[in-house]
């Protein structure tokens, strides 16, 4: 005990030195381990451990390549109508028909079935007499008039000696007794021509035509179409621009292209 009392300071100092040396030795190993751990983490980030790839399954690709190496014949004439060198179209009845000439659809597929003349008709409808003399009722029928109301028969009342024209004609002369004429001759204001109206036979002049036609792909029928009428078929709107004795002309409303349809009686 006496020894400890005399040398306890030296012993305590020795213990502290030994502990310090132990800490230094521990730090050496700790720093080396920490450095190794950091290097390992860096290796894992820069060079991650990747599992090797397995062999690819190229069965589908090999099958496709083998199929391409063999000859495959396509029938573009009989079985596959989508790629045929002609056009096919489905009609309103669901039937599919082939378009070979270009006239199976569209305006060229329309057929004119009839063309009817439209006349200006003048007739002596009635002869009346009174104390002032004879009066004639002349019937006027303008079948080619644009307005439907003006196509109906109208009457004009004239006297044999009446020289003042009405809106259509002027009296030129009367053949036979004034109270029972054989004919009345008038001068038409629109053309200047003279028209002789017989008592028992009306006078008439062709002023235009109207046409009947049909469009078979849609089973449409158009009756009594005149100049100015509108029609629609094949997905296109048309206007009737001309009707003659042997021809119907339709104008495409989208581009004003005129299409001639002949009439073959």
C-alpha atoms as a PDB file:
ATOM      1  CA  UNK A   1       0.000   0.000   0.000  1.00  0.00           C
ATOM      2  CA  UNK A   2       2.914   2.272   0.869  1.00  0.00           C
ATOM      3  CA  UNK A   3       4.210   1.618  -2.638  1.00  0.00           C
ATOM      4  CA  UNK A   4       0.926   2.594  -4.221  1.00  0.00           C
ATOM      5  CA  UNK A   5       0.743   5.756  -2.204  1.00  0.00           C
ATOM      6  CA  UNK A   6       4.245   6.766  -3.257  1.00  0.00           C
ATOM      7  CA  UNK A   7       3.872   5.833  -6.967  1.00  0.00           C
ATOM      8  CA  UNK A   8       0.119   6.161  -7.732  1.00  0.00           C
ATOM      9  CA  UNK A   9       0.763   9.133  -9.983  1.00  0.00           C
ATOM     10  CA  UNK A  10       3.205   7.134 -12.053  1.00  0.00           C
ATOM     11  CA  UNK A  11       0.802   4.214 -12.198  1.00  0.00           C
ATOM     12  CA  UNK A  12      -2.095   6.494 -13.280  1.00  0.00           C
ATOM     13  CA  UNK A  13       0.080   8.122 -15.886  1.00  0.00           C
ATOM     14  CA  UNK A  14       1.128   4.711 -17.176  1.00  0.00           C
ATOM     15  CA  UNK A  15      -2.481   3.566 -17.415  1.00  0.00           C
ATOM     16  CA  UNK A  16      -3.379   6.727 -19.337  1.00  0.00           C
ATOM     17  CA  UNK A  17      -0.471   6.215 -21.712  1.00  0.00           C
ATOM     18  CA  UNK A  18      -1.471   2.608 -22.309  1.00  0.00           C
ATOM     19  CA  UNK A  19      -5.075   3.725 -22.979  1.00  0.00           C
ATOM     20  CA  UNK A  20      -3.895   6.457 -25.334  1.00  0.00           C
ATOM     21  CA  UNK A  21      -1.760   3.985 -27.226  1.00  0.00           C
ATOM     22  CA  UNK A  22      -4.770   1.635 -27.460  1.00  0.00           C
ATOM     23  CA  UNK A  23      -6.960   4.421 -28.835  1.00  0.00           C
ATOM     24  CA  UNK A  24      -4.322   5.310 -31.421  1.00  0.00           C
ATOM     25  CA  UNK A  25      -4.035   1.680 -32.501  1.00  0.00           C
ATOM     26  CA  UNK A  26      -7.864   1.434 -32.695  1.00  0.00           C
ATOM     27  CA  UNK A  27      -8.044   4.590 -34.790  1.00  0.00           C
ATOM     28  CA  UNK A  28      -5.570   3.139 -37.230  1.00  0.00           C
ATOM     29  CA  UNK A  29      -7.715   0.068 -37.743  1.00  0.00           C
ATOM     30  CA  UNK A  30     -10.970   2.148 -37.779  1.00  0.00           C
ATOM     31  CA  UNK A  31      -9.689   4.556 -40.394  1.00  0.00           C
ATOM     32  CA  UNK A  32      -8.418   1.694 -42.545  1.00  0.00           C
ATOM     33  CA  UNK A  33     -11.799  -0.105 -42.296  1.00  0.00           C
ATOM     34  CA  UNK A  34     -13.755   3.093 -43.032  1.00  0.00           C
ATOM     35  CA  UNK A  35     -11.546   3.813 -46.039  1.00  0.00           C
ATOM     36  CA  UNK A  36     -12.085   0.294 -47.318  1.00  0.00           C
ATOM     37  CA  UNK A  37     -15.853   0.641 -46.852  1.00  0.00           C
ATOM     38  CA  UNK A  38     -15.914   3.939 -48.766  1.00  0.00           C
ATOM     39  CA  UNK A  39     -13.896   2.409 -51.601  1.00  0.00           C
ATOM     40  CA  UNK A  40     -16.334  -0.517 -51.723  1.00  0.00           C
ATOM     41  CA  UNK A  41     -19.331   1.839 -51.911  1.00  0.00           C
ATOM     42  CA  UNK A  42     -17.638   3.766 -54.703  1.00  0.00           C
ATOM     43  CA  UNK A  43     -17.018   0.533 -56.565  1.00  0.00           C
ATOM     44  CA  UNK A  44     -20.666  -0.459 -56.131  1.00  0.00           C
ATOM     45  CA  UNK A  45     -21.834   2.892 -57.579  1.00  0.00           C
ATOM     46  CA  UNK A  46     -19.400   3.103 -60.480  1.00  0.00           C
ATOM     47  CA  UNK A  47     -19.271  -0.575 -61.238  1.00  0.00           C
ATOM     48  CA  UNK A  48     -22.544  -2.101 -60.005  1.00  0.00           C
ATOM     49  CA  UNK A  49     -22.824  -5.803 -59.880  1.00  0.00           C
ATOM     50  CA  UNK A  50     -24.903  -6.770 -62.934  1.00  0.00           C
ATOM     51  CA  UNK A  51     -26.210 -10.211 -63.456  1.00  0.00           C
ATOM     52  CA  UNK A  52     -25.207 -11.663 -66.805  1.00  0.00           C
ATOM     53  CA  UNK A  53     -27.908 -11.686 -69.510  1.00  0.00           C
ATOM     54  CA  UNK A  54     -29.635 -14.885 -70.334  1.00  0.00           C
ATOM     55  CA  UNK A  55     -29.818 -16.124 -73.905  1.00  0.00           C
ATOM     56  CA  UNK A  56     -32.496 -14.275 -75.944  1.00  0.00           C
ATOM     57  CA  UNK A  57     -35.518 -16.206 -77.196  1.00  0.00           C
ATOM     58  CA  UNK A  58     -35.438 -15.563 -80.964  1.00  0.00           C
ATOM     59  CA  UNK A  59     -38.056 -18.141 -81.854  1.00  0.00           C
ATOM     60  CA  UNK A  60     -40.526 -15.595 -83.343  1.00  0.00           C
ATOM     61  CA  UNK A  61     -37.817 -13.847 -85.319  1.00  0.00           C
ATOM     62  CA  UNK A  62     -36.428 -17.108 -86.637  1.00  0.00           C
ATOM     63  CA  UNK A  63     -39.947 -18.171 -87.676  1.00  0.00           C
ATOM     64  CA  UNK A  64     -40.533 -14.865 -89.477  1.00  0.00           C
ATOM     65  CA  UNK A  65     -37.206 -15.096 -91.306  1.00  0.00           C
ATOM     66  CA  UNK A  66     -37.984 -18.645 -92.363  1.00  0.00           C
ATOM     67  CA  UNK A  67     -41.397 -17.524 -93.642  1.00  0.00           C
ATOM     68  CA  UNK A  68     -39.860 -14.675 -95.660  1.00  0.00           C
ATOM     69  CA  UNK A  69     -37.435 -17.043 -97.308  1.00  0.00           C
ATOM     70  CA  UNK A  70     -40.343 -18.982 -98.830  1.00  0.00           C
ATOM     71  CA  UNK A  71     -42.415 -17.722-101.793  1.00  0.00           C
ATOM     72  CA  UNK A  72     -45.915 -16.363-100.989  1.00  0.00           C
ATOM     73  CA  UNK A  73     -48.336 -15.809-103.856  1.00  0.00           C
ATOM     74  CA  UNK A  74     -51.127 -13.196-103.531  1.00  0.00           C
ATOM     75  CA  UNK A  75     -54.219 -13.341-105.719  1.00  0.00           C
ATOM     76  CA  UNK A  76     -55.078  -9.732-106.629  1.00  0.00           C
ATOM     77  CA  UNK A  77     -57.764 -10.676-109.149  1.00  0.00           C
ATOM     78  CA  UNK A  78     -60.285 -13.020-107.570  1.00  0.00           C
ATOM     79  CA  UNK A  79     -60.123 -13.265-103.777  1.00  0.00           C
ATOM     80  CA  UNK A  80     -58.738  -9.899-102.679  1.00  0.00           C
ATOM     81  CA  UNK A  81     -60.950  -7.133-104.036  1.00  0.00           C
ATOM     82  CA  UNK A  82     -59.361  -4.406-101.897  1.00  0.00           C
ATOM     83  CA  UNK A  83     -56.247  -4.279-104.054  1.00  0.00           C
ATOM     84  CA  UNK A  84     -57.823  -5.056-107.411  1.00  0.00           C
ATOM     85  CA  UNK A  85     -57.010  -2.564-110.195  1.00  0.00           C
ATOM     86  CA  UNK A  86     -60.684  -1.595-110.429  1.00  0.00           C
ATOM     87  CA  UNK A  87     -63.070   0.184-108.111  1.00  0.00           C
ATOM     88  CA  UNK A  88     -65.855  -1.517-106.188  1.00  0.00           C
ATOM     89  CA  UNK A  89     -68.770   0.207-104.518  1.00  0.00           C
ATOM     90  CA  UNK A  90     -71.661  -0.832-102.334  1.00  0.00           C
ATOM     91  CA  UNK A  91     -75.089   0.242-103.541  1.00  0.00           C
ATOM     92  CA  UNK A  92     -77.991   1.381-101.338  1.00  0.00           C
ATOM     93  CA  UNK A  93     -79.344  -2.184-101.396  1.00  0.00           C
ATOM     94  CA  UNK A  94     -76.070  -3.505 -99.962  1.00  0.00           C
ATOM     95  CA  UNK A  95     -74.977  -5.173-103.187  1.00  0.00           C
ATOM     96  CA  UNK A  96     -71.356  -4.648-104.262  1.00  0.00           C
ATOM     97  CA  UNK A  97     -70.793  -3.855-107.922  1.00  0.00           C
ATOM     98  CA  UNK A  98     -67.668  -3.367-109.991  1.00  0.00           C
ATOM     99  CA  UNK A  99     -66.805  -0.050-111.609  1.00  0.00           C
ATOM    100  CA  UNK A 100     -64.887  -0.715-114.792  1.00  0.00           C
ATOM    101  CA  UNK A 101     -65.776   2.115-117.197  1.00  0.00           C
ATOM    102  CA  UNK A 102     -66.389   4.938-114.700  1.00  0.00           C
ATOM    103  CA  UNK A 103     -69.992   5.282-115.881  1.00  0.00           C
ATOM    104  CA  UNK A 104     -71.483   2.964-113.267  1.00  0.00           C
ATOM    105  CA  UNK A 105     -71.701   5.803-110.689  1.00  0.00           C
ATOM    106  CA  UNK A 106     -71.789   9.576-110.776  1.00  0.00           C
ATOM    107  CA  UNK A 107     -73.556  11.842-113.218  1.00  0.00           C
ATOM    108  CA  UNK A 108     -72.629   9.645-116.198  1.00  0.00           C
ATOM    109  CA  UNK A 109     -74.706   6.834-114.705  1.00  0.00           C
ATOM    110  CA  UNK A 110     -77.862   8.951-115.018  1.00  0.00           C
ATOM    111  CA  UNK A 111     -80.169   8.081-117.927  1.00  0.00           C
ATOM    112  CA  UNK A 112     -82.544  10.508-119.621  1.00  0.00           C
ATOM    113  CA  UNK A 113     -85.842   8.700-120.187  1.00  0.00           C
ATOM    114  CA  UNK A 114     -87.959  11.451-121.751  1.00  0.00           C
ATOM    115  CA  UNK A 115     -87.817  15.030-122.969  1.00  0.00           C
ATOM    116  CA  UNK A 116     -91.095  16.906-123.285  1.00  0.00           C
ATOM    117  CA  UNK A 117     -91.584  20.177-125.196  1.00  0.00           C
ATOM    118  CA  UNK A 118     -92.955  23.198-123.356  1.00  0.00           C
ATOM    119  CA  UNK A 119     -95.191  25.415-125.474  1.00  0.00           C
ATOM    120  CA  UNK A 120     -96.596  28.874-125.647  1.00  0.00           C
ATOM    121  CA  UNK A 121    -100.236  28.146-126.535  1.00  0.00           C
ATOM    122  CA  UNK A 122    -102.714  30.729-127.824  1.00  0.00           C
ATOM    123  CA  UNK A 123    -106.357  29.804-128.326  1.00  0.00           C
ATOM    124  CA  UNK A 124    -109.649  31.538-129.111  1.00  0.00           C
ATOM    125  CA  UNK A 125    -111.678  30.525-126.072  1.00  0.00           C
ATOM    126  CA  UNK A 126    -114.739  32.705-126.498  1.00  0.00           C
ATOM    127  CA  UNK A 127    -116.338  35.259-128.809  1.00  0.00           C
ATOM    128  CA  UNK A 128    -118.914  37.642-127.340  1.00  0.00           C
ATOM    129  CA  UNK A 129    -120.862  40.463-128.960  1.00  0.00           C
ATOM    130  CA  UNK A 130    -122.694  43.441-127.495  1.00  0.00           C
ATOM    131  CA  UNK A 131    -123.647  46.954-128.458  1.00  0.00           C
ATOM    132  CA  UNK A 132    -119.984  47.877-128.586  1.00  0.00           C
ATOM    133  CA  UNK A 133    -119.117  45.099-131.037  1.00  0.00           C
ATOM    134  CA  UNK A 134    -117.272  41.808-130.832  1.00  0.00           C
ATOM    135  CA  UNK A 135    -114.897  40.812-128.027  1.00  0.00           C
ATOM    136  CA  UNK A 136    -112.480  37.874-128.098  1.00  0.00           C
ATOM    137  CA  UNK A 137    -111.198  35.912-125.140  1.00  0.00           C
ATOM    138  CA  UNK A 138    -107.701  34.696-126.061  1.00  0.00           C
ATOM    139  CA  UNK A 139    -106.308  31.960-123.860  1.00  0.00           C
ATOM    140  CA  UNK A 140    -102.563  32.219-123.095  1.00  0.00           C
ATOM    141  CA  UNK A 141    -100.662  29.256-121.672  1.00  0.00           C
ATOM    142  CA  UNK A 142     -96.941  29.695-120.943  1.00  0.00           C
ATOM    143  CA  UNK A 143     -95.781  26.175-120.141  1.00  0.00           C
ATOM    144  CA  UNK A 144     -92.102  27.218-119.959  1.00  0.00           C
ATOM    145  CA  UNK A 145     -92.619  30.051-117.460  1.00  0.00           C
ATOM    146  CA  UNK A 146     -90.214  30.010-114.532  1.00  0.00           C
ATOM    147  CA  UNK A 147     -92.910  30.623-111.907  1.00  0.00           C
ATOM    148  CA  UNK A 148     -95.416  27.754-111.572  1.00  0.00           C
ATOM    149  CA  UNK A 149     -98.306  30.209-111.157  1.00  0.00           C
ATOM    150  CA  UNK A 150     -97.621  31.720-114.572  1.00  0.00           C
ATOM    151  CA  UNK A 151     -97.790  28.333-116.310  1.00  0.00           C
ATOM    152  CA  UNK A 152    -101.537  28.126-115.843  1.00  0.00           C
ATOM    153  CA  UNK A 153    -103.805  29.266-118.629  1.00  0.00           C
ATOM    154  CA  UNK A 154    -104.686  32.957-118.493  1.00  0.00           C
ATOM    155  CA  UNK A 155    -107.080  35.045-120.545  1.00  0.00           C
ATOM    156  CA  UNK A 156    -106.599  38.243-122.545  1.00  0.00           C
ATOM    157  CA  UNK A 157    -109.631  40.206-123.785  1.00  0.00           C
ATOM    158  CA  UNK A 158    -109.266  42.042-127.104  1.00  0.00           C
ATOM    159  CA  UNK A 159    -111.414  43.623-129.791  1.00  0.00           C
ATOM    160  CA  UNK A 160    -110.947  43.173-133.566  1.00  0.00           C
ATOM    161  CA  UNK A 161    -110.006  46.819-134.016  1.00  0.00           C
ATOM    162  CA  UNK A 162    -107.893  47.074-130.867  1.00  0.00           C
ATOM    163  CA  UNK A 163    -104.413  48.125-131.904  1.00  0.00           C
ATOM    164  CA  UNK A 164    -102.982  48.746-128.459  1.00  0.00           C
ATOM    165  CA  UNK A 165    -100.919  45.698-127.405  1.00  0.00           C
ATOM    166  CA  UNK A 166    -101.294  43.938-124.086  1.00  0.00           C
ATOM    167  CA  UNK A 167     -98.355  42.371-122.258  1.00  0.00           C
ATOM    168  CA  UNK A 168     -98.081  39.493-124.753  1.00  0.00           C
ATOM    169  CA  UNK A 169     -99.415  40.426-128.198  1.00  0.00           C
ATOM    170  CA  UNK A 170    -101.240  42.938-130.338  1.00  0.00           C
ATOM    171  CA  UNK A 171    -104.100  42.150-132.711  1.00  0.00           C
ATOM    172  CA  UNK A 172    -103.060  42.384-136.362  1.00  0.00           C
ATOM    173  CA  UNK A 173    -106.171  41.192-138.172  1.00  0.00           C
ATOM    174  CA  UNK A 174    -109.270  38.988-138.189  1.00  0.00           C
ATOM    175  CA  UNK A 175    -110.307  36.573-140.918  1.00  0.00           C
ATOM    176  CA  UNK A 176    -114.046  35.998-141.416  1.00  0.00           C
ATOM    177  CA  UNK A 177    -117.024  37.680-139.759  1.00  0.00           C
ATOM    178  CA  UNK A 178    -116.049  39.673-136.675  1.00  0.00           C
ATOM    179  CA  UNK A 179    -118.686  37.963-134.533  1.00  0.00           C
ATOM    180  CA  UNK A 180    -117.636  34.506-135.741  1.00  0.00           C
ATOM    181  CA  UNK A 181    -114.022  34.702-136.946  1.00  0.00           C
ATOM    182  CA  UNK A 182    -112.232  31.856-138.674  1.00  0.00           C
ATOM    183  CA  UNK A 183    -108.925  33.048-137.198  1.00  0.00           C
ATOM    184  CA  UNK A 184    -107.310  35.921-135.349  1.00  0.00           C
ATOM    185  CA  UNK A 185    -103.778  37.023-136.210  1.00  0.00           C
ATOM    186  CA  UNK A 186    -101.648  38.600-133.462  1.00  0.00           C
ATOM    187  CA  UNK A 187     -98.097  39.892-133.252  1.00  0.00           C
ATOM    188  CA  UNK A 188     -96.057  38.535-130.327  1.00  0.00           C
ATOM    189  CA  UNK A 189     -94.145  41.198-128.436  1.00  0.00           C
ATOM    190  CA  UNK A 190     -91.236  38.975-127.347  1.00  0.00           C
ATOM    191  CA  UNK A 191     -90.212  37.801-130.824  1.00  0.00           C
ATOM    192  CA  UNK A 192     -92.071  40.074-133.237  1.00  0.00           C
ATOM    193  CA  UNK A 193     -93.484  37.077-135.109  1.00  0.00           C
ATOM    194  CA  UNK A 194     -97.099  36.845-136.186  1.00  0.00           C
ATOM    195  CA  UNK A 195     -99.281  34.026-134.922  1.00  0.00           C
ATOM    196  CA  UNK A 196    -102.543  33.000-136.575  1.00  0.00           C
ATOM    197  CA  UNK A 197    -104.934  31.469-134.060  1.00  0.00           C
ATOM    198  CA  UNK A 198    -107.584  29.289-135.686  1.00  0.00           C
ATOM    199  CA  UNK A 199    -111.047  29.158-134.156  1.00  0.00           C
ATOM    200  CA  UNK A 200    -110.913  25.377-133.825  1.00  0.00           C
ATOM    201  CA  UNK A 201    -107.137  24.898-133.489  1.00  0.00           C
ATOM    202  CA  UNK A 202    -104.883  26.682-130.984  1.00  0.00           C
ATOM    203  CA  UNK A 203    -101.559  28.120-132.111  1.00  0.00           C
ATOM    204  CA  UNK A 204     -98.465  26.960-130.273  1.00  0.00           C
ATOM    205  CA  UNK A 205     -94.716  27.571-130.241  1.00  0.00           C
ATOM    206  CA  UNK A 206     -91.990  25.555-128.535  1.00  0.00           C
ATOM    207  CA  UNK A 207     -90.463  27.718-125.791  1.00  0.00           C
ATOM    208  CA  UNK A 208     -88.444  25.095-123.944  1.00  0.00           C
ATOM    209  CA  UNK A 209     -88.212  21.519-122.730  1.00  0.00           C
ATOM    210  CA  UNK A 210     -88.383  19.512-119.527  1.00  0.00           C
ATOM    211  CA  UNK A 211     -86.691  16.188-118.901  1.00  0.00           C
ATOM    212  CA  UNK A 212     -87.309  12.953-117.021  1.00  0.00           C
ATOM    213  CA  UNK A 213     -84.272  10.955-115.934  1.00  0.00           C
ATOM    214  CA  UNK A 214     -83.275   8.308-113.443  1.00  0.00           C
ATOM    215  CA  UNK A 215     -80.199   7.353-111.404  1.00  0.00           C
ATOM    216  CA  UNK A 216     -80.135   3.562-111.144  1.00  0.00           C
ATOM    217  CA  UNK A 217     -77.312   3.144-108.528  1.00  0.00           C
ATOM    218  CA  UNK A 218     -79.607   4.789-105.942  1.00  0.00           C
ATOM    219  CA  UNK A 219     -82.903   3.875-107.645  1.00  0.00           C
ATOM    220  CA  UNK A 220     -83.896   7.544-107.884  1.00  0.00           C
ATOM    221  CA  UNK A 221     -86.318   8.887-110.493  1.00  0.00           C
ATOM    222  CA  UNK A 222     -86.604  12.582-111.404  1.00  0.00           C
ATOM    223  CA  UNK A 223     -89.699  13.788-113.251  1.00  0.00           C
ATOM    224  CA  UNK A 224     -90.409  16.985-115.204  1.00  0.00           C
ATOM    225  CA  UNK A 225     -87.125  18.743-114.425  1.00  0.00           C
ATOM    226  CA  UNK A 226     -86.766  22.210-115.932  1.00  0.00           C
ATOM    227  CA  UNK A 227     -83.979  24.756-116.244  1.00  0.00           C
ATOM    228  CA  UNK A 228     -83.165  26.058-112.762  1.00  0.00           C
ATOM    229  CA  UNK A 229     -84.319  22.965-110.892  1.00  0.00           C
ATOM    230  CA  UNK A 230     -81.996  21.402-108.290  1.00  0.00           C
ATOM    231  CA  UNK A 231     -81.360  17.664-107.990  1.00  0.00           C
ATOM    232  CA  UNK A 232     -79.072  15.548-105.823  1.00  0.00           C
ATOM    233  CA  UNK A 233     -77.729  12.039-106.350  1.00  0.00           C
ATOM    234  CA  UNK A 234     -74.460  10.195-105.839  1.00  0.00           C
ATOM    235  CA  UNK A 235     -73.626  12.542-102.974  1.00  0.00           C
ATOM    236  CA  UNK A 236     -73.481  15.587-105.298  1.00  0.00           C
ATOM    237  CA  UNK A 237     -75.850  18.521-105.810  1.00  0.00           C
ATOM    238  CA  UNK A 238     -76.641  19.512-109.416  1.00  0.00           C
ATOM    239  CA  UNK A 239     -78.549  22.272-111.163  1.00  0.00           C
ATOM    240  CA  UNK A 240     -80.408  21.852-114.452  1.00  0.00           C
ATOM    241  CA  UNK A 241     -78.841  24.504-116.697  1.00  0.00           C
ATOM    242  CA  UNK A 242     -80.149  23.449-120.106  1.00  0.00           C
ATOM    243  CA  UNK A 243     -82.699  21.108-121.631  1.00  0.00           C
ATOM    244  CA  UNK A 244     -82.891  20.725-125.385  1.00  0.00           C
ATOM    245  CA  UNK A 245     -84.683  18.321-127.678  1.00  0.00           C
ATOM    246  CA  UNK A 246     -81.887  15.757-127.446  1.00  0.00           C
ATOM    247  CA  UNK A 247     -79.851  16.670-124.368  1.00  0.00           C
ATOM    248  CA  UNK A 248     -79.973  17.422-120.655  1.00  0.00           C
ATOM    249  CA  UNK A 249     -77.119  19.427-119.113  1.00  0.00           C
ATOM    250  CA  UNK A 250     -76.474  19.316-115.359  1.00  0.00           C
ATOM    251  CA  UNK A 251     -74.024  21.620-113.565  1.00  0.00           C
ATOM    252  CA  UNK A 252     -72.132  20.409-110.489  1.00  0.00           C
ATOM    253  CA  UNK A 253     -72.923  22.927-107.736  1.00  0.00           C
ATOM    254  CA  UNK A 254     -69.486  22.482-106.123  1.00  0.00           C
ATOM    255  CA  UNK A 255     -67.368  23.399-109.149  1.00  0.00           C
ATOM    256  CA  UNK A 256     -69.856  24.496-111.858  1.00  0.00           C
ATOM    257  CA  UNK A 257     -68.671  21.719-114.155  1.00  0.00           C
ATOM    258  CA  UNK A 258     -71.274  20.999-116.821  1.00  0.00           C
ATOM    259  CA  UNK A 259     -72.212  17.414-117.661  1.00  0.00           C
ATOM    260  CA  UNK A 260     -74.111  16.475-120.809  1.00  0.00           C
ATOM    261  CA  UNK A 261     -76.630  13.618-120.755  1.00  0.00           C
ATOM    262  CA  UNK A 262     -77.913  12.694-124.214  1.00  0.00           C
ATOM    263  CA  UNK A 263     -81.478  11.593-124.844  1.00  0.00           C
ATOM    264  CA  UNK A 264     -81.922   8.628-127.103  1.00  0.00           C
ATOM    265  CA  UNK A 265     -85.632   8.035-127.870  1.00  0.00           C
END
